[in-house]
Structures are given as C-alpha cells and as structure tokens.
C-alpha cells in the first residue's frame, strides 16, 4: 500500500480528497495536515510515500514545504492539488520534483488517473533494476498518450464531439452540470464526462466546483465564447 499524507488547510476539501483517495485501490491515508509545520512534523513521525499537496495555505504555503522537503533530502513523492494555475507556481512545483499537478476544480477521473499513473510508475521503478526505452516512454514520459494538434484522444469521435459542442453553445454561457448536458445530448453521463474533460483540457470550458452540505461536490461547466477558434481544428472532419 502506498502511504499518503494530505496537506490541505480547507477541512471540506481535505475530506473530499480523502473520499476520492478511498475509491482508488492501493493507497492508504496516513494523516491530514493543515499547515507546513504540521506536515513537517508528520513526515518525521510517519513513513510517507506520497503527499497530496495544496499550495495556498496560511503562513508558509505548499511550495515552501516542497522546497524544505527537498532540502532535507527526503525522497517522498508529491502530487500538487491546488487552485494555483499560474505559470510560476507550476514551474516551481515541477522543478521541486512534483510528479503531477491537478488544478482545482477537477473531476474524479483526473484524480484517479494521476494516482493510477503514479502507482504504475512506482511499481515499475521498484520491481525493475533496469528500464528499457519502451518502459520509460510508456510509463514515465507517457509518450504513447500524446496526441497531435487536432487529434482526438482515444475513445472520442468528431461527430459526437460536434453534437456535444453544438448543445453546449446553446447554453450561451450559462453554467450547466454533466447530468444536464447528458440529458440534452442523449448520451450517458460516463460518455459525456470524457468529452467535457477533453473540452476543459483544451481550454474551451471553464469548470467550477460547488460543495454541498452532504454528498459529492457538484461540477458546473461554462462555455467560453472567446475560445471558439481552439476547437475548430478538432471538428474539421465532423459531418455537417
């Protein structure tokens, strides 16, 4: 089991990260810290393999914690889970050795993808003394998952993307949920999530998370009219 420390000052967000973590096999939550000082103490007391790290915290933030971890020579891995989307924060996190970076809000699928990729990478590094170029490209650098400009990820089709996009444009910028757009388009929520995730990744949708009193968070998406040009290359071959 991979032993995990969540570093997050917002109790509600920490709880949701905990629930998400419990849904992915192979991980064990060891503790939750709400500050850098608390996290450093826990790292001295417990054996931790992976930190889920927020950047914005009172006092010294996540980047300062990450810097201290490296200065102390600790080899613990870090996945940043933060609303910080500025270039400087992302660059520093990567320079300090973050193995992934999740920008809030994010769907559970992206969270699971990050943990599964980390688990497979950790297993590969532990089990094999030497790695081939194929192993490095597939498991470490993910070259097989890269797509060319205008190329859709595996499992998505241009015709369905056009159908989804046409219905999203009808919202005229009003927020909508995954379930709402799935009902309008007429495809399953599982399928629609894949298209919404892709549209969010290429920057034509803005996603926000609404935390209710109980249950899972609700994700609301909003169409960004000024980004129309970005999606045009992905729709060129779709039937009119």
Protein backbone atom coordinates (compact mmCIF):
# COMPACT_ATOMS: atom_id res chain seq x y z
CA UNK A 1 0.00 0.00 0.00
CA UNK A 2 1.19 3.50 -0.86
CA UNK A 3 1.12 5.63 2.31
CA UNK A 4 -0.37 9.07 1.69
CA UNK A 5 -0.31 12.40 3.51
CA UNK A 6 -2.89 15.03 2.52
CA UNK A 7 -1.72 18.62 3.09
CA UNK A 8 -4.78 20.87 2.80
CA UNK A 9 -5.97 23.70 5.07
CA UNK A 10 -9.64 23.57 3.99
CA UNK A 11 -11.31 20.75 6.00
CA UNK A 12 -14.06 20.24 3.42
CA UNK A 13 -11.62 19.94 0.51
CA UNK A 14 -9.43 17.62 2.57
CA UNK A 15 -12.45 15.42 3.24
CA UNK A 16 -13.31 15.20 -0.45
CA UNK A 17 -9.69 14.35 -1.30
CA UNK A 18 -9.88 11.64 1.37
CA UNK A 19 -13.07 10.22 -0.16
CA UNK A 20 -11.55 10.28 -3.62
CA UNK A 21 -8.43 8.52 -2.34
CA UNK A 22 -10.52 5.76 -0.75
CA UNK A 23 -12.03 4.97 -4.15
CA UNK A 24 -8.64 4.19 -5.71
CA UNK A 25 -7.09 0.90 -4.67
CA UNK A 26 -3.56 0.57 -3.38
CA UNK A 27 -3.43 3.75 -1.27
CA UNK A 28 -3.63 4.23 2.49
CA UNK A 29 -4.28 7.63 4.08
CA UNK A 30 -1.87 8.05 6.99
CA UNK A 31 -2.71 11.60 8.06
CA UNK A 32 -4.06 15.02 7.10
CA UNK A 33 -2.06 18.20 7.78
CA UNK A 34 -3.44 21.74 7.58
CA UNK A 35 -0.11 23.63 7.66
CA UNK A 36 3.51 23.31 6.65
CA UNK A 37 4.73 22.91 10.23
CA UNK A 38 2.22 20.14 10.91
CA UNK A 39 3.19 18.39 7.67
CA UNK A 40 6.91 18.51 8.52
CA UNK A 41 6.26 17.00 11.96
CA UNK A 42 4.18 14.20 10.45
CA UNK A 43 6.90 13.47 7.91
CA UNK A 44 9.34 12.98 10.80
CA UNK A 45 6.91 10.73 12.67
CA UNK A 46 5.46 8.64 9.87
CA UNK A 47 6.67 6.77 6.80
CA UNK A 48 5.04 8.59 3.87
CA UNK A 49 5.35 7.63 0.21
CA UNK A 50 3.15 10.28 -1.41
CA UNK A 51 1.91 13.77 -0.49
CA UNK A 52 -1.22 15.33 -1.98
CA UNK A 53 -0.18 18.95 -1.59
CA UNK A 54 -2.14 22.19 -1.69
CA UNK A 55 -0.18 25.36 -2.47
CA UNK A 56 -2.36 28.09 -0.95
CA UNK A 57 -2.21 27.78 2.84
CA UNK A 58 -1.99 30.27 5.72
CA UNK A 59 1.57 31.19 6.58
CA UNK A 60 4.12 29.30 4.55
CA UNK A 61 2.48 27.56 1.61
CA UNK A 62 2.91 24.32 -0.26
CA UNK A 63 5.82 25.42 -2.41
CA UNK A 64 7.80 26.33 0.70
CA UNK A 65 7.01 22.91 2.14
CA UNK A 66 8.09 21.22 -1.06
CA UNK A 67 11.35 23.18 -1.05
CA UNK A 68 12.09 22.18 2.55
CA UNK A 69 11.34 18.54 1.81
CA UNK A 70 13.94 18.56 -0.96
CA UNK A 71 16.46 20.49 1.16
CA UNK A 72 16.13 17.80 3.83
CA UNK A 73 16.83 15.17 1.19
CA UNK A 74 13.51 13.39 1.62
CA UNK A 75 12.54 11.25 -1.36
CA UNK A 76 8.79 11.38 -0.74
CA UNK A 77 6.78 11.93 -3.93
CA UNK A 78 4.36 14.82 -4.35
CA UNK A 79 1.24 15.40 -6.41
CA UNK A 80 0.13 19.03 -6.25
CA UNK A 81 -3.63 19.51 -5.81
CA UNK A 82 -4.22 23.25 -5.94
CA UNK A 83 -6.22 26.12 -7.42
CA UNK A 84 -2.90 27.77 -8.34
CA UNK A 85 -2.77 27.79 -12.14
CA UNK A 86 -0.15 30.48 -12.69
CA UNK A 87 2.96 29.61 -14.66
CA UNK A 88 5.34 30.44 -11.82
CA UNK A 89 3.71 28.08 -9.29
CA UNK A 90 3.50 25.23 -11.78
CA UNK A 91 7.12 25.72 -12.88
CA UNK A 92 8.41 25.76 -9.29
CA UNK A 93 6.40 22.69 -8.36
CA UNK A 94 7.83 20.76 -11.30
CA UNK A 95 11.36 21.99 -10.54
CA UNK A 96 10.97 20.70 -6.98
CA UNK A 97 10.01 17.28 -8.34
CA UNK A 98 6.19 17.17 -8.27
CA UNK A 99 5.16 14.07 -10.24
CA UNK A 100 1.76 15.50 -11.24
CA UNK A 101 -0.22 18.72 -10.93
CA UNK A 102 -4.02 18.83 -10.54
CA UNK A 103 -5.70 22.22 -10.89
CA UNK A 104 -8.85 22.66 -8.81
CA UNK A 105 -11.58 22.04 -9.62
CA UNK A 106 -11.02 18.68 -11.26
CA UNK A 107 -13.14 15.63 -11.98
CA UNK A 108 -12.63 12.40 -10.04
CA UNK A 109 -11.46 10.72 -13.27
CA UNK A 110 -8.45 13.05 -13.47
CA UNK A 111 -7.66 12.40 -9.80
CA UNK A 112 -7.86 8.64 -10.34
CA UNK A 113 -5.76 8.92 -13.50
CA UNK A 114 -3.00 10.70 -11.55
CA UNK A 115 -2.97 8.10 -8.78
CA UNK A 116 -3.12 5.10 -11.10
CA UNK A 117 -0.26 6.50 -13.21
CA UNK A 118 1.75 7.14 -10.04
CA UNK A 119 1.05 3.63 -8.74
CA UNK A 120 2.15 2.02 -12.02
CA UNK A 121 5.27 4.19 -12.20
CA UNK A 122 6.22 3.42 -8.59
CA UNK A 123 5.71 -0.30 -9.17
CA UNK A 124 7.86 -0.21 -12.29
CA UNK A 125 10.70 1.63 -10.54
CA UNK A 126 10.59 -0.77 -7.60
CA UNK A 127 10.35 -4.05 -9.49
CA UNK A 128 12.86 -3.50 -12.29
CA UNK A 129 16.56 -2.82 -11.77
CA UNK A 130 16.98 -1.56 -15.34
CA UNK A 131 14.40 0.06 -17.61
CA UNK A 132 14.12 -0.06 -21.36
CA UNK A 133 13.39 2.96 -23.54
CA UNK A 134 9.93 1.50 -24.19
CA UNK A 135 9.25 1.32 -20.43
CA UNK A 136 10.43 4.90 -19.94
CA UNK A 137 8.36 6.24 -22.83
CA UNK A 138 5.21 4.39 -21.81
CA UNK A 139 5.26 4.54 -18.01
CA UNK A 140 7.36 7.59 -17.19
CA UNK A 141 7.08 10.04 -20.08
CA UNK A 142 3.65 8.87 -21.36
CA UNK A 143 4.63 9.42 -24.97
CA UNK A 144 2.02 6.94 -26.16
CA UNK A 145 -0.75 9.15 -24.73
CA UNK A 146 0.24 12.32 -26.56
CA UNK A 147 -1.95 13.50 -29.42
CA UNK A 148 -1.16 15.78 -32.34
CA UNK A 149 -2.96 19.12 -32.75
CA UNK A 150 -6.48 18.41 -34.00
CA UNK A 151 -6.27 14.74 -33.00
CA UNK A 152 -8.86 13.49 -30.53
CA UNK A 153 -7.99 11.28 -27.56
CA UNK A 154 -8.78 7.60 -27.91
CA UNK A 155 -12.49 6.84 -27.48
CA UNK A 156 -13.76 10.23 -28.71
CA UNK A 157 -15.29 10.81 -32.16
CA UNK A 158 -15.60 14.05 -34.12
CA UNK A 159 -19.30 13.61 -34.84
CA UNK A 160 -20.18 13.12 -31.17
CA UNK A 161 -17.87 15.99 -30.19
CA UNK A 162 -19.71 18.26 -32.63
CA UNK A 163 -23.07 17.16 -31.20
CA UNK A 164 -21.87 17.87 -27.66
CA UNK A 165 -20.30 21.18 -28.64
CA UNK A 166 -23.40 22.39 -30.52
CA UNK A 167 -25.54 21.74 -27.46
CA UNK A 168 -23.04 23.41 -25.16
CA UNK A 169 -23.09 26.53 -27.33
CA UNK A 170 -26.87 26.64 -26.90
CA UNK A 171 -26.32 27.31 -23.20
CA UNK A 172 -25.00 30.77 -24.21
CA UNK A 173 -22.55 30.84 -21.34
CA UNK A 174 -24.95 29.73 -18.59
CA UNK A 175 -23.48 27.13 -16.21
CA UNK A 176 -24.55 23.51 -16.64
CA UNK A 177 -23.83 20.20 -14.95
CA UNK A 178 -22.64 16.96 -16.51
CA UNK A 179 -26.04 15.37 -15.97
CA UNK A 180 -27.88 18.29 -17.54
CA UNK A 181 -25.88 18.26 -20.77
CA UNK A 182 -26.01 14.44 -20.91
CA UNK A 183 -29.81 14.57 -20.91
CA UNK A 184 -29.90 17.18 -23.66
CA UNK A 185 -27.37 15.41 -25.88
CA UNK A 186 -28.84 11.98 -25.23
CA UNK A 187 -25.72 10.04 -24.29
CA UNK A 188 -24.63 8.52 -20.98
CA UNK A 189 -23.03 10.55 -18.20
CA UNK A 190 -19.95 8.34 -18.42
CA UNK A 191 -19.51 9.22 -22.09
CA UNK A 192 -20.32 12.92 -21.67
CA UNK A 193 -17.71 13.22 -18.89
CA UNK A 194 -15.00 12.18 -21.35
CA UNK A 195 -15.99 14.93 -23.78
CA UNK A 196 -16.34 17.57 -21.06
CA UNK A 197 -12.96 16.59 -19.64
CA UNK A 198 -11.39 16.97 -23.09
CA UNK A 199 -13.06 20.36 -23.67
CA UNK A 200 -11.84 21.52 -20.27
CA UNK A 201 -8.29 20.36 -21.07
CA UNK A 202 -8.12 22.35 -24.32
CA UNK A 203 -9.48 25.42 -22.54
CA UNK A 204 -12.90 25.97 -24.13
CA UNK A 205 -14.82 25.23 -20.94
CA UNK A 206 -14.49 26.77 -17.50
CA UNK A 207 -15.24 24.38 -14.64
CA UNK A 208 -16.09 25.26 -11.08
CA UNK A 209 -16.87 23.06 -8.12
CA UNK A 210 -19.77 23.65 -5.72
CA UNK A 211 -19.54 21.96 -2.34
CA UNK A 212 -22.85 20.93 -0.81
CA UNK A 213 -23.52 20.13 2.82
CA UNK A 214 -23.54 16.39 2.12
CA UNK A 215 -22.60 14.08 -0.72
CA UNK A 216 -20.20 14.64 -3.58
CA UNK A 217 -19.28 18.05 -4.98
CA UNK A 218 -21.26 19.31 -7.98
CA UNK A 219 -19.25 20.36 -11.03
CA UNK A 220 -20.62 23.20 -13.13
CA UNK A 221 -19.25 23.95 -16.59
CA UNK A 222 -19.42 27.18 -18.55
CA UNK A 223 -18.89 27.73 -22.27
CA UNK A 224 -16.23 30.34 -23.15
CA UNK A 225 -17.28 32.00 -26.46
CA UNK A 226 -13.88 33.64 -27.00
CA UNK A 227 -12.27 30.17 -27.29
CA UNK A 228 -14.26 29.05 -30.34
CA UNK A 229 -11.17 29.06 -32.53
CA UNK A 230 -9.44 26.42 -30.37
CA UNK A 231 -11.97 23.70 -31.07
CA UNK A 232 -12.31 24.32 -34.81
CA UNK A 233 -9.38 22.04 -35.71
CA UNK A 234 -10.99 19.14 -33.81
CA UNK A 235 -14.27 19.50 -35.72
CA UNK A 236 -12.99 19.79 -39.30
CA UNK A 237 -13.87 16.25 -40.28
CA UNK A 238 -17.22 16.14 -38.49
CA UNK A 239 -20.32 15.77 -40.66
CA UNK A 240 -22.25 18.98 -41.24
